[in-house]
Amino acid sequence: MSRKRWIWIGVLVAAVLLVGVGAWAAQGPIGYAKMATGFGAKQMCSCLHISGRPLDSCMMDFPAEARNAVTIAEDGNTVRASVLFGAISSEAVYEEEFGCRIAD
């Protein structure tokens, strides 16, 4: 094989390793974000549907940095919390007999 081909193979292997290491390193923060959106959706669902408080009042229960990072959307009995422009999200559903539960 020519030297140029070996260089391209080396670059390709390095790129694959870099993507793999990046994906492995991101597992912790992604898992935390999934857990946080689940908690946020459930907490907001309970606040809105069980306590009967308005959305603005419920948002004050979250720390300031969380209020700026999470997006809350309410659609009937479903509350969706998301971060990273919707890339990671969770839903909680209110059921009259049971209260709120995480739907994911």
PDB file of N, CA and C in Angstrom:
ATOM      1  N   MET A   1       0.839  -1.183   0.000  1.00  0.00           N
ATOM      2  CA  MET A   1       0.000   0.000   0.000  1.00  0.00           C
ATOM      3  C   MET A   1       0.880   1.242   0.000  1.00  0.00           C
ATOM      4  N   SER A   2       0.325   2.283  -0.573  1.00  0.00           N
ATOM      5  CA  SER A   2       1.079   3.534  -0.631  1.00  0.00           C
ATOM      6  C   SER A   2       1.036   4.242   0.719  1.00  0.00           C
ATOM      7  N   ARG A   3       1.981   5.128   0.889  1.00  0.00           N
ATOM      8  CA  ARG A   3       2.084   5.875   2.144  1.00  0.00           C
ATOM      9  C   ARG A   3       0.845   6.745   2.362  1.00  0.00           C
ATOM     10  N   LYS A   4       0.319   7.319   1.289  1.00  0.00           N
ATOM     11  CA  LYS A   4      -0.863   8.175   1.374  1.00  0.00           C
ATOM     12  C   LYS A   4      -2.069   7.399   1.896  1.00  0.00           C
ATOM     13  N   ARG A   5      -2.218   6.170   1.425  1.00  0.00           N
ATOM     14  CA  ARG A   5      -3.331   5.336   1.887  1.00  0.00           C
ATOM     15  C   ARG A   5      -3.197   5.031   3.381  1.00  0.00           C
ATOM     16  N   TRP A   6      -1.996   4.749   3.863  1.00  0.00           N
ATOM     17  CA  TRP A   6      -1.782   4.477   5.287  1.00  0.00           C
ATOM     18  C   TRP A   6      -2.110   5.711   6.135  1.00  0.00           C
ATOM     19  N   ILE A   7      -1.785   6.868   5.615  1.00  0.00           N
ATOM     20  CA  ILE A   7      -2.103   8.097   6.355  1.00  0.00           C
ATOM     21  C   ILE A   7      -3.618   8.245   6.480  1.00  0.00           C
ATOM     22  N   TRP A   8      -4.367   8.018   5.412  1.00  0.00           N
ATOM     23  CA  TRP A   8      -5.827   8.108   5.458  1.00  0.00           C
ATOM     24  C   TRP A   8      -6.429   7.071   6.397  1.00  0.00           C
ATOM     25  N   ILE A   9      -5.865   5.876   6.393  1.00  0.00           N
ATOM     26  CA  ILE A   9      -6.351   4.839   7.321  1.00  0.00           C
ATOM     27  C   ILE A   9      -6.102   5.278   8.763  1.00  0.00           C
ATOM     28  N   GLY A  10      -4.932   5.841   9.024  1.00  0.00           N
ATOM     29  CA  GLY A  10      -4.621   6.334  10.368  1.00  0.00           C
ATOM     30  C   GLY A  10      -5.555   7.439  10.809  1.00  0.00           C
ATOM     31  N   VAL A  11      -5.850   8.358   9.904  1.00  0.00           N
ATOM     32  CA  VAL A  11      -6.777   9.454  10.214  1.00  0.00           C
ATOM     33  C   VAL A  11      -8.170   8.907  10.500  1.00  0.00           C
ATOM     34  N   LEU A  12      -8.614   7.951   9.702  1.00  0.00           N
ATOM     35  CA  LEU A  12      -9.936   7.352   9.898  1.00  0.00           C
ATOM     36  C   LEU A  12     -10.022   6.622  11.240  1.00  0.00           C
ATOM     37  N   VAL A  13      -8.999   5.851  11.570  1.00  0.00           N
ATOM     38  CA  VAL A  13      -8.985   5.131  12.854  1.00  0.00           C
ATOM     39  C   VAL A  13      -8.991   6.127  14.011  1.00  0.00           C
ATOM     40  N   ALA A  14      -8.199   7.193  13.908  1.00  0.00           N
ATOM     41  CA  ALA A  14      -8.165   8.206  14.969  1.00  0.00           C
ATOM     42  C   ALA A  14      -9.529   8.878  15.129  1.00  0.00           C
ATOM     43  N   ALA A  15     -10.208   9.163  14.017  1.00  0.00           N
ATOM     44  CA  ALA A  15     -11.529   9.788  14.081  1.00  0.00           C
ATOM     45  C   ALA A  15     -12.539   8.862  14.747  1.00  0.00           C
ATOM     46  N   VAL A  16     -12.516   7.588  14.402  1.00  0.00           N
ATOM     47  CA  VAL A  16     -13.437   6.622  15.006  1.00  0.00           C
ATOM     48  C   VAL A  16     -13.168   6.507  16.501  1.00  0.00           C
ATOM     49  N   LEU A  17     -11.911   6.451  16.894  1.00  0.00           N
ATOM     50  CA  LEU A  17     -11.566   6.386  18.318  1.00  0.00           C
ATOM     51  C   LEU A  17     -12.009   7.641  19.049  1.00  0.00           C
ATOM     52  N   LEU A  18     -11.842   8.791  18.437  1.00  0.00           N
ATOM     53  CA  LEU A  18     -12.240  10.047  19.062  1.00  0.00           C
ATOM     54  C   LEU A  18     -13.746  10.104  19.279  1.00  0.00           C
ATOM     55  N   VAL A  19     -14.519   9.696  18.298  1.00  0.00           N
ATOM     56  CA  VAL A  19     -15.978   9.668  18.440  1.00  0.00           C
ATOM     57  C   VAL A  19     -16.379   8.671  19.525  1.00  0.00           C
ATOM     58  N   GLY A  20     -15.757   7.516  19.555  1.00  0.00           N
ATOM     59  CA  GLY A  20     -16.069   6.505  20.568  1.00  0.00           C
ATOM     60  C   GLY A  20     -15.766   6.981  21.973  1.00  0.00           C
ATOM     61  N   VAL A  21     -14.620   7.600  22.160  1.00  0.00           N
ATOM     62  CA  VAL A  21     -14.251   8.115  23.483  1.00  0.00           C
ATOM     63  C   VAL A  21     -15.197   9.240  23.890  1.00  0.00           C
ATOM     64  N   GLY A  22     -15.566  10.097  22.943  1.00  0.00           N
ATOM     65  CA  GLY A  22     -16.508  11.180  23.248  1.00  0.00           C
ATOM     66  C   GLY A  22     -17.871  10.651  23.656  1.00  0.00           C
ATOM     67  N   ALA A  23     -18.346   9.636  22.957  1.00  0.00           N
ATOM     68  CA  ALA A  23     -19.645   9.037  23.298  1.00  0.00           C
ATOM     69  C   ALA A  23     -19.591   8.382  24.671  1.00  0.00           C
ATOM     70  N   TRP A  24     -18.506   7.701  24.977  1.00  0.00           N
ATOM     71  CA  TRP A  24     -18.362   7.044  26.273  1.00  0.00           C
ATOM     72  C   TRP A  24     -18.302   8.085  27.389  1.00  0.00           C
ATOM     73  N   ALA A  25     -17.594   9.179  27.165  1.00  0.00           N
ATOM     74  CA  ALA A  25     -17.457  10.216  28.186  1.00  0.00           C
ATOM     75  C   ALA A  25     -18.776  10.962  28.427  1.00  0.00           C
ATOM     76  N   ALA A  26     -19.648  11.002  27.430  1.00  0.00           N
ATOM     77  CA  ALA A  26     -20.914  11.742  27.554  1.00  0.00           C
ATOM     78  C   ALA A  26     -22.005  10.928  28.241  1.00  0.00           C
ATOM     79  N   GLN A  27     -21.766   9.670  28.544  1.00  0.00           N
ATOM     80  CA  GLN A  27     -22.809   8.841  29.157  1.00  0.00           C
ATOM     81  C   GLN A  27     -23.288   9.402  30.485  1.00  0.00           C
ATOM     82  N   GLY A  28     -22.398   9.872  31.310  1.00  0.00           N
ATOM     83  CA  GLY A  28     -22.772  10.409  32.619  1.00  0.00           C
ATOM     84  C   GLY A  28     -23.665  11.630  32.514  1.00  0.00           C
ATOM     85  N   PRO A  29     -23.223  12.674  31.796  1.00  0.00           N
ATOM     86  CA  PRO A  29     -24.076  13.864  31.675  1.00  0.00           C
ATOM     87  C   PRO A  29     -25.415  13.590  30.993  1.00  0.00           C
ATOM     88  N   ILE A  30     -25.440  12.713  30.015  1.00  0.00           N
ATOM     89  CA  ILE A  30     -26.704  12.392  29.335  1.00  0.00           C
ATOM     90  C   ILE A  30     -27.641  11.659  30.293  1.00  0.00           C
ATOM     91  N   GLY A  31     -27.114  10.724  31.063  1.00  0.00           N
ATOM     92  CA  GLY A  31     -27.928  10.020  32.049  1.00  0.00           C
ATOM     93  C   GLY A  31     -28.478  10.967  33.106  1.00  0.00           C
ATOM     94  N   TYR A  32     -27.650  11.906  33.543  1.00  0.00           N
ATOM     95  CA  TYR A  32     -28.099  12.896  34.521  1.00  0.00           C
ATOM     96  C   TYR A  32     -29.207  13.770  33.929  1.00  0.00           C
ATOM     97  N   ALA A  33     -29.046  14.178  32.665  1.00  0.00           N
ATOM     98  CA  ALA A  33     -30.055  15.020  32.013  1.00  0.00           C
ATOM     99  C   ALA A  33     -31.379  14.267  31.875  1.00  0.00           C
ATOM    100  N   LYS A  34     -31.325  12.969  31.572  1.00  0.00           N
ATOM    101  CA  LYS A  34     -32.554  12.175  31.471  1.00  0.00           C
ATOM    102  C   LYS A  34     -33.245  12.075  32.826  1.00  0.00           C
ATOM    103  N   MET A  35     -32.462  11.873  33.870  1.00  0.00           N
ATOM    104  CA  MET A  35     -33.029  11.787  35.206  1.00  0.00           C
ATOM    105  C   MET A  35     -33.620  13.138  35.622  1.00  0.00           C
ATOM    106  N   ALA A  36     -32.918  14.219  35.316  1.00  0.00           N
ATOM    107  CA  ALA A  36     -33.383  15.554  35.702  1.00  0.00           C
ATOM    108  C   ALA A  36     -34.659  15.942  34.972  1.00  0.00           C
ATOM    109  N   THR A  37     -34.780  15.598  33.684  1.00  0.00           N
ATOM    110  CA  THR A  37     -36.009  15.937  32.969  1.00  0.00           C
ATOM    111  C   THR A  37     -37.177  15.101  33.482  1.00  0.00           C
ATOM    112  N   GLY A  38     -36.924  13.847  33.862  1.00  0.00           N
ATOM    113  CA  GLY A  38     -37.978  13.019  34.445  1.00  0.00           C
ATOM    114  C   GLY A  38     -38.484  13.613  35.753  1.00  0.00           C
ATOM    115  N   PHE A  39     -37.538  14.027  36.600  1.00  0.00           N
ATOM    116  CA  PHE A  39     -37.906  14.656  37.868  1.00  0.00           C
ATOM    117  C   PHE A  39     -38.677  15.951  37.619  1.00  0.00           C
ATOM    118  N   GLY A  40     -38.184  16.760  36.673  1.00  0.00           N
ATOM    119  CA  GLY A  40     -38.830  18.040  36.378  1.00  0.00           C
ATOM    120  C   GLY A  40     -40.247  17.867  35.867  1.00  0.00           C
ATOM    121  N   ALA A  41     -40.445  16.909  34.962  1.00  0.00           N
ATOM    122  CA  ALA A  41     -41.788  16.663  34.420  1.00  0.00           C
ATOM    123  C   ALA A  41     -42.734  16.188  35.513  1.00  0.00           C
ATOM    124  N   LYS A  42     -42.281  15.266  36.343  1.00  0.00           N
ATOM    125  CA  LYS A  42     -43.126  14.733  37.426  1.00  0.00           C
ATOM    126  C   LYS A  42     -43.439  15.819  38.448  1.00  0.00           C
ATOM    127  N   GLN A  43     -42.442  16.585  38.833  1.00  0.00           N
ATOM    128  CA  GLN A  43     -42.633  17.645  39.818  1.00  0.00           C
ATOM    129  C   GLN A  43     -43.607  18.703  39.294  1.00  0.00           C
ATOM    130  N   MET A  44     -43.429  19.089  38.034  1.00  0.00           N
ATOM    131  CA  MET A  44     -44.289  20.110  37.440  1.00  0.00           C
ATOM    132  C   MET A  44     -45.715  19.592  37.268  1.00  0.00           C
ATOM    133  N   CYS A  45     -45.859  18.331  36.876  1.00  0.00           N
ATOM    134  CA  CYS A  45     -47.186  17.722  36.740  1.00  0.00           C
ATOM    135  C   CYS A  45     -47.918  17.750  38.085  1.00  0.00           C
ATOM    136  N   SER A  46     -47.236  17.352  39.137  1.00  0.00           N
ATOM    137  CA  SER A  46     -47.854  17.344  40.463  1.00  0.00           C
ATOM    138  C   SER A  46     -48.223  18.752  40.909  1.00  0.00           C
ATOM    139  N   CYS A  47     -47.341  19.693  40.649  1.00  0.00           N
ATOM    140  CA  CYS A  47     -47.601  21.074  41.045  1.00  0.00           C
ATOM    141  C   CYS A  47     -48.814  21.641  40.310  1.00  0.00           C
ATOM    142  N   LEU A  48     -48.893  21.388  39.006  1.00  0.00           N
ATOM    143  CA  LEU A  48     -49.991  21.934  38.204  1.00  0.00           C
ATOM    144  C   LEU A  48     -51.319  21.239  38.453  1.00  0.00           C
ATOM    145  N   HIS A  49     -51.303  19.908  38.441  1.00  0.00           N
ATOM    146  CA  HIS A  49     -52.559  19.150  38.456  1.00  0.00           C
ATOM    147  C   HIS A  49     -53.026  18.735  39.843  1.00  0.00           C
ATOM    148  N   ILE A  50     -52.137  18.528  40.763  1.00  0.00           N
ATOM    149  CA  ILE A  50     -52.547  18.112  42.112  1.00  0.00           C
ATOM    150  C   ILE A  50     -52.667  19.335  43.019  1.00  0.00           C
ATOM    151  N   SER A  51     -51.626  20.196  43.005  1.00  0.00           N
ATOM    152  CA  SER A  51     -51.680  21.411  43.832  1.00  0.00           C
ATOM    153  C   SER A  51     -52.543  22.488  43.215  1.00  0.00           C
ATOM    154  N   GLY A  52     -52.704  22.460  41.890  1.00  0.00           N
ATOM    155  CA  GLY A  52     -53.535  23.449  41.211  1.00  0.00           C
ATOM    156  C   GLY A  52     -52.901  24.821  41.093  1.00  0.00           C
ATOM    157  N   ARG A  53     -51.588  24.891  41.192  1.00  0.00           N
ATOM    158  CA  ARG A  53     -50.887  26.168  41.077  1.00  0.00           C
ATOM    159  C   ARG A  53     -50.644  26.517  39.610  1.00  0.00           C
ATOM    160  N   PRO A  54     -50.465  27.803  39.293  1.00  0.00           N
ATOM    161  CA  PRO A  54     -50.164  28.200  37.912  1.00  0.00           C
ATOM    162  C   PRO A  54     -48.706  27.870  37.553  1.00  0.00           C
ATOM    163  N   LEU A  55     -48.428  27.813  36.258  1.00  0.00           N
ATOM    164  CA  LEU A  55     -47.103  27.437  35.761  1.00  0.00           C
ATOM    165  C   LEU A  55     -46.002  28.326  36.314  1.00  0.00           C
ATOM    166  N   ASP A  56     -46.200  29.634  36.329  1.00  0.00           N
ATOM    167  CA  ASP A  56     -45.168  30.544  36.831  1.00  0.00           C
ATOM    168  C   ASP A  56     -44.832  30.269  38.297  1.00  0.00           C
ATOM    169  N   SER A  57     -45.841  29.971  39.077  1.00  0.00           N
ATOM    170  CA  SER A  57     -45.623  29.655  40.485  1.00  0.00           C
ATOM    171  C   SER A  57     -44.853  28.345  40.640  1.00  0.00           C
ATOM    172  N   CYS A  58     -45.195  27.356  39.824  1.00  0.00           N
ATOM    173  CA  CYS A  58     -44.518  26.063  39.893  1.00  0.00           C
ATOM    174  C   CYS A  58     -43.052  26.170  39.471  1.00  0.00           C
ATOM    175  N   MET A  59     -42.772  27.011  38.485  1.00  0.00           N
ATOM    176  CA  MET A  59     -41.386  27.178  38.024  1.00  0.00           C
ATOM    177  C   MET A  59     -40.493  27.738  39.122  1.00  0.00           C
ATOM    178  N   MET A  60     -41.065  28.486  40.057  1.00  0.00           N
ATOM    179  CA  MET A  60     -40.278  29.064  41.146  1.00  0.00           C
ATOM    180  C   MET A  60     -39.768  28.000  42.107  1.00  0.00           C
ATOM    181  N   ASP A  61     -40.312  26.776  42.045  1.00  0.00           N
ATOM    182  CA  ASP A  61     -39.834  25.689  42.897  1.00  0.00           C
ATOM    183  C   ASP A  61     -38.468  25.171  42.449  1.00  0.00           C
ATOM    184  N   PHE A  62     -38.095  25.455  41.207  1.00  0.00           N
ATOM    185  CA  PHE A  62     -36.820  24.982  40.669  1.00  0.00           C
ATOM    186  C   PHE A  62     -35.724  26.006  40.936  1.00  0.00           C
ATOM    187  N   PRO A  63     -34.469  25.544  41.092  1.00  0.00           N
ATOM    188  CA  PRO A  63     -33.358  26.494  41.225  1.00  0.00           C
ATOM    189  C   PRO A  63     -33.243  27.370  39.974  1.00  0.00           C
ATOM    190  N   ALA A  64     -32.655  28.542  40.110  1.00  0.00           N
ATOM    191  CA  ALA A  64     -32.566  29.503  39.006  1.00  0.00           C
ATOM    192  C   ALA A  64     -31.883  28.910  37.781  1.00  0.00           C
ATOM    193  N   GLU A  65     -30.790  28.166  37.975  1.00  0.00           N
ATOM    194  CA  GLU A  65     -30.086  27.594  36.824  1.00  0.00           C
ATOM    195  C   GLU A  65     -30.930  26.540  36.109  1.00  0.00           C
ATOM    196  N   ALA A  66     -31.770  25.828  36.849  1.00  0.00           N
ATOM    197  CA  ALA A  66     -32.657  24.842  36.223  1.00  0.00           C
ATOM    198  C   ALA A  66     -33.771  25.536  35.449  1.00  0.00           C
ATOM    199  N   ARG A  67     -34.275  26.643  35.989  1.00  0.00           N
ATOM    200  CA  ARG A  67     -35.326  27.390  35.284  1.00  0.00           C
ATOM    201  C   ARG A  67     -34.846  27.884  33.932  1.00  0.00           C
ATOM    202  N   ASN A  68     -33.583  28.219  33.844  1.00  0.00           N
ATOM    203  CA  ASN A  68     -33.026  28.721  32.591  1.00  0.00           C
ATOM    204  C   ASN A  68     -32.688  27.594  31.619  1.00  0.00           C
ATOM    205  N   ALA A  69     -32.482  26.376  32.108  1.00  0.00           N
ATOM    206  CA  ALA A  69     -32.033  25.276  31.258  1.00  0.00           C
ATOM    207  C   ALA A  69     -33.166  24.392  30.756  1.00  0.00           C
ATOM    208  N   VAL A  70     -34.261  24.323  31.491  1.00  0.00           N
ATOM    209  CA  VAL A  70     -35.337  23.388  31.147  1.00  0.00           C
ATOM    210  C   VAL A  70     -36.484  24.118  30.456  1.00  0.00           C
ATOM    211  N   THR A  71     -37.116  23.412  29.529  1.00  0.00           N
ATOM    212  CA  THR A  71     -38.311  23.925  28.866  1.00  0.00           C
ATOM    213  C   THR A  71     -39.484  23.055  29.296  1.00  0.00           C
ATOM    214  N   ILE A  72     -40.554  23.682  29.739  1.00  0.00           N
ATOM    215  CA  ILE A  72     -41.742  22.964  30.196  1.00  0.00           C
ATOM    216  C   ILE A  72     -42.880  23.239  29.219  1.00  0.00           C
ATOM    217  N   ALA A  73     -43.539  22.174  28.786  1.00  0.00           N
ATOM    218  CA  ALA A  73     -44.702  22.309  27.905  1.00  0.00           C
ATOM    219  C   ALA A  73     -45.843  21.487  28.493  1.00  0.00           C
ATOM    220  N   GLU A  74     -47.006  22.085  28.577  1.00  0.00           N
ATOM    221  CA  GLU A  74     -48.191  21.400  29.114  1.00  0.00           C
ATOM    222  C   GLU A  74     -49.203  21.218  27.997  1.00  0.00           C
ATOM    223  N   ASP A  75     -49.711  19.999  27.876  1.00  0.00           N
ATOM    224  CA  ASP A  75     -50.722  19.693  26.863  1.00  0.00           C
ATOM    225  C   ASP A  75     -51.788  18.827  27.538  1.00  0.00           C
ATOM    226  N   GLY A  76     -52.841  19.473  28.008  1.00  0.00           N
ATOM    227  CA  GLY A  76     -53.887  18.736  28.716  1.00  0.00           C
ATOM    228  C   GLY A  76     -53.351  18.170  30.017  1.00  0.00           C
ATOM    229  N   ASN A  77     -53.379  16.856  30.169  1.00  0.00           N
ATOM    230  CA  ASN A  77     -52.895  16.192  31.373  1.00  0.00           C
ATOM    231  C   ASN A  77     -51.441  15.763  31.266  1.00  0.00           C
ATOM    232  N   THR A  78     -50.762  16.132  30.197  1.00  0.00           N
ATOM    233  CA  THR A  78     -49.376  15.742  29.984  1.00  0.00           C
ATOM    234  C   THR A  78     -48.458  16.943  30.142  1.00  0.00           C
ATOM    235  N   VAL A  79     -47.378  16.753  30.881  1.00  0.00           N
ATOM    236  CA  VAL A  79     -46.369  17.784  31.056  1.00  0.00           C
ATOM    237  C   VAL A  79     -45.060  17.223  30.513  1.00  0.00           C
ATOM    238  N   ARG A  80     -44.379  17.989  29.667  1.00  0.00           N
ATOM    239  CA  ARG A  80     -43.122  17.561  29.060  1.00  0.00           C
ATOM    240  C   ARG A  80     -42.017  18.518  29.492  1.00  0.00           C
ATOM    241  N   ALA A  81     -40.924  17.961  29.999  1.00  0.00           N
ATOM    242  CA  ALA A  81     -39.742  18.747  30.353  1.00  0.00           C
ATOM    243  C   ALA A  81     -38.619  18.348  29.407  1.00  0.00           C
ATOM    244  N   SER A  82     -37.907  19.336  28.882  1.00  0.00           N
ATOM    245  CA  SER A  82     -36.829  19.028  27.944  1.00  0.00           C
ATOM    246  C   SER A  82     -35.659  19.984  28.140  1.00  0.00           C
ATOM    247  N   VAL A  83     -34.487  19.515  27.743  1.00  0.00           N
ATOM    248  CA  VAL A  83     -33.263  20.312  27.744  1.00  0.00           C
ATOM    249  C   VAL A  83     -32.576  20.133  26.397  1.00  0.00           C
ATOM    250  N   LEU A  84     -31.610  20.965  26.138  1.00  0.00           N
ATOM    251  CA  LEU A  84     -30.834  20.900  24.892  1.00  0.00           C
ATOM    252  C   LEU A  84     -31.736  20.964  23.665  1.00  0.00           C
ATOM    253  N   PHE A  85     -32.638  21.937  23.665  1.00  0.00           N
ATOM    254  CA  PHE A  85     -33.541  22.162  22.533  1.00  0.00           C
ATOM    255  C   PHE A  85     -34.375  20.933  22.202  1.00  0.00           C
ATOM    256  N   GLY A  86     -34.790  20.202  23.224  1.00  0.00           N
ATOM    257  CA  GLY A  86     -35.655  19.044  23.035  1.00  0.00           C
ATOM    258  C   GLY A  86     -34.930  17.743  22.775  1.00  0.00           C
ATOM    259  N   ALA A  87     -33.603  17.757  22.759  1.00  0.00           N
ATOM    260  CA  ALA A  87     -32.849  16.527  22.477  1.00  0.00           C
ATOM    261  C   ALA A  87     -33.036  15.480  23.578  1.00  0.00           C
ATOM    262  N   ILE A  88     -33.191  15.931  24.809  1.00  0.00           N
ATOM    263  CA  ILE A  88     -33.426  15.027  25.934  1.00  0.00           C
ATOM    264  C   ILE A  88     -34.693  15.508  26.621  1.00  0.00           C
ATOM    265  N   SER A  89     -35.675  14.608  26.739  1.00  0.00           N
ATOM    266  CA  SER A  89     -36.948  15.033  27.327  1.00  0.00           C
ATOM    267  C   SER A  89     -37.636  13.873  28.040  1.00  0.00           C
ATOM    268  N   SER A  90     -38.577  14.239  28.891  1.00  0.00           N
ATOM    269  CA  SER A  90     -39.410  13.268  29.608  1.00  0.00           C
ATOM    270  C   SER A  90     -40.815  13.829  29.732  1.00  0.00           C
ATOM    271  N   GLU A  91     -41.769  12.923  29.868  1.00  0.00           N
ATOM    272  CA  GLU A  91     -43.165  13.319  30.036  1.00  0.00           C
ATOM    273  C   GLU A  91     -43.723  12.723  31.316  1.00  0.00           C
ATOM    274  N   ALA A  92     -44.626  13.467  31.922  1.00  0.00           N
ATOM    275  CA  ALA A  92     -45.385  12.976  33.059  1.00  0.00           C
ATOM    276  C   ALA A  92     -46.865  13.180  32.737  1.00  0.00           C
ATOM    277  N   VAL A  93     -47.676  12.214  33.136  1.00  0.00           N
ATOM    278  CA  VAL A  93     -49.101  12.242  32.824  1.00  0.00           C
ATOM    279  C   VAL A  93     -49.889  12.224  34.125  1.00  0.00           C
ATOM    280  N   TYR A  94     -50.917  13.082  34.189  1.00  0.00           N
ATOM    281  CA  TYR A  94     -51.809  13.090  35.341  1.00  0.00           C
ATOM    282  C   TYR A  94     -52.997  12.196  35.044  1.00  0.00           C
ATOM    283  N   GLU A  95     -53.275  11.269  35.966  1.00  0.00           N
ATOM    284  CA  GLU A  95     -54.451  10.398  35.887  1.00  0.00           C
ATOM    285  C   GLU A  95     -55.256  10.607  37.164  1.00  0.00           C
ATOM    286  N   GLU A  96     -56.522  10.888  37.012  1.00  0.00           N
ATOM    287  CA  GLU A  96     -57.399  11.265  38.118  1.00  0.00           C
ATOM    288  C   GLU A  96     -57.268  10.328  39.326  1.00  0.00           C
ATOM    289  N   GLU A  97     -57.272   9.047  39.097  1.00  0.00           N
ATOM    290  CA  GLU A  97     -57.267   8.077  40.223  1.00  0.00           C
ATOM    291  C   GLU A  97     -55.886   7.880  40.831  1.00  0.00           C
ATOM    292  N   PHE A  98     -54.831   8.180  40.080  1.00  0.00           N
ATOM    293  CA  PHE A  98     -53.493   7.788  40.515  1.00  0.00           C
ATOM    294  C   PHE A  98     -52.534   8.956  40.736  1.00  0.00           C
ATOM    295  N   GLY A  99     -52.856  10.132  40.259  1.00  0.00           N
ATOM    296  CA  GLY A  99     -51.938  11.262  40.357  1.00  0.00           C
ATOM    297  C   GLY A  99     -51.048  11.333  39.125  1.00  0.00           C
ATOM    298  N   CYS A 100     -49.821  11.808  39.297  1.00  0.00           N
ATOM    299  CA  CYS A 100     -48.889  11.961  38.184  1.00  0.00           C
ATOM    300  C   CYS A 100     -47.901  10.802  38.147  1.00  0.00           C
ATOM    301  N   ARG A 101     -47.569  10.393  36.923  1.00  0.00           N
ATOM    302  CA  ARG A 101     -46.572   9.339  36.731  1.00  0.00           C
ATOM    303  C   ARG A 101     -45.718   9.690  35.540  1.00  0.00           C
ATOM    304  N   ILE A 102     -44.491   9.249  35.551  1.00  0.00           N
ATOM    305  CA  ILE A 102     -43.604   9.462  34.414  1.00  0.00           C
ATOM    306  C   ILE A 102     -44.037   8.544  33.296  1.00  0.00           C
ATOM    307  N   ALA A 103     -44.194   9.093  32.100  1.00  0.00           N
ATOM    308  CA  ALA A 103     -44.740   8.334  30.984  1.00  0.00           C
ATOM    309  C   ALA A 103     -43.660   7.608  30.179  1.00  0.00           C
ATOM    310  N   ASP A 104     -42.416   8.009  30.293  1.00  0.00           N
ATOM    311  CA  ASP A 104     -41.354   7.389  29.486  1.00  0.00           C
ATOM    312  C   ASP A 104     -40.915   6.071  30.079  1.00  0.00           C
TER     313      ASP A 104
END
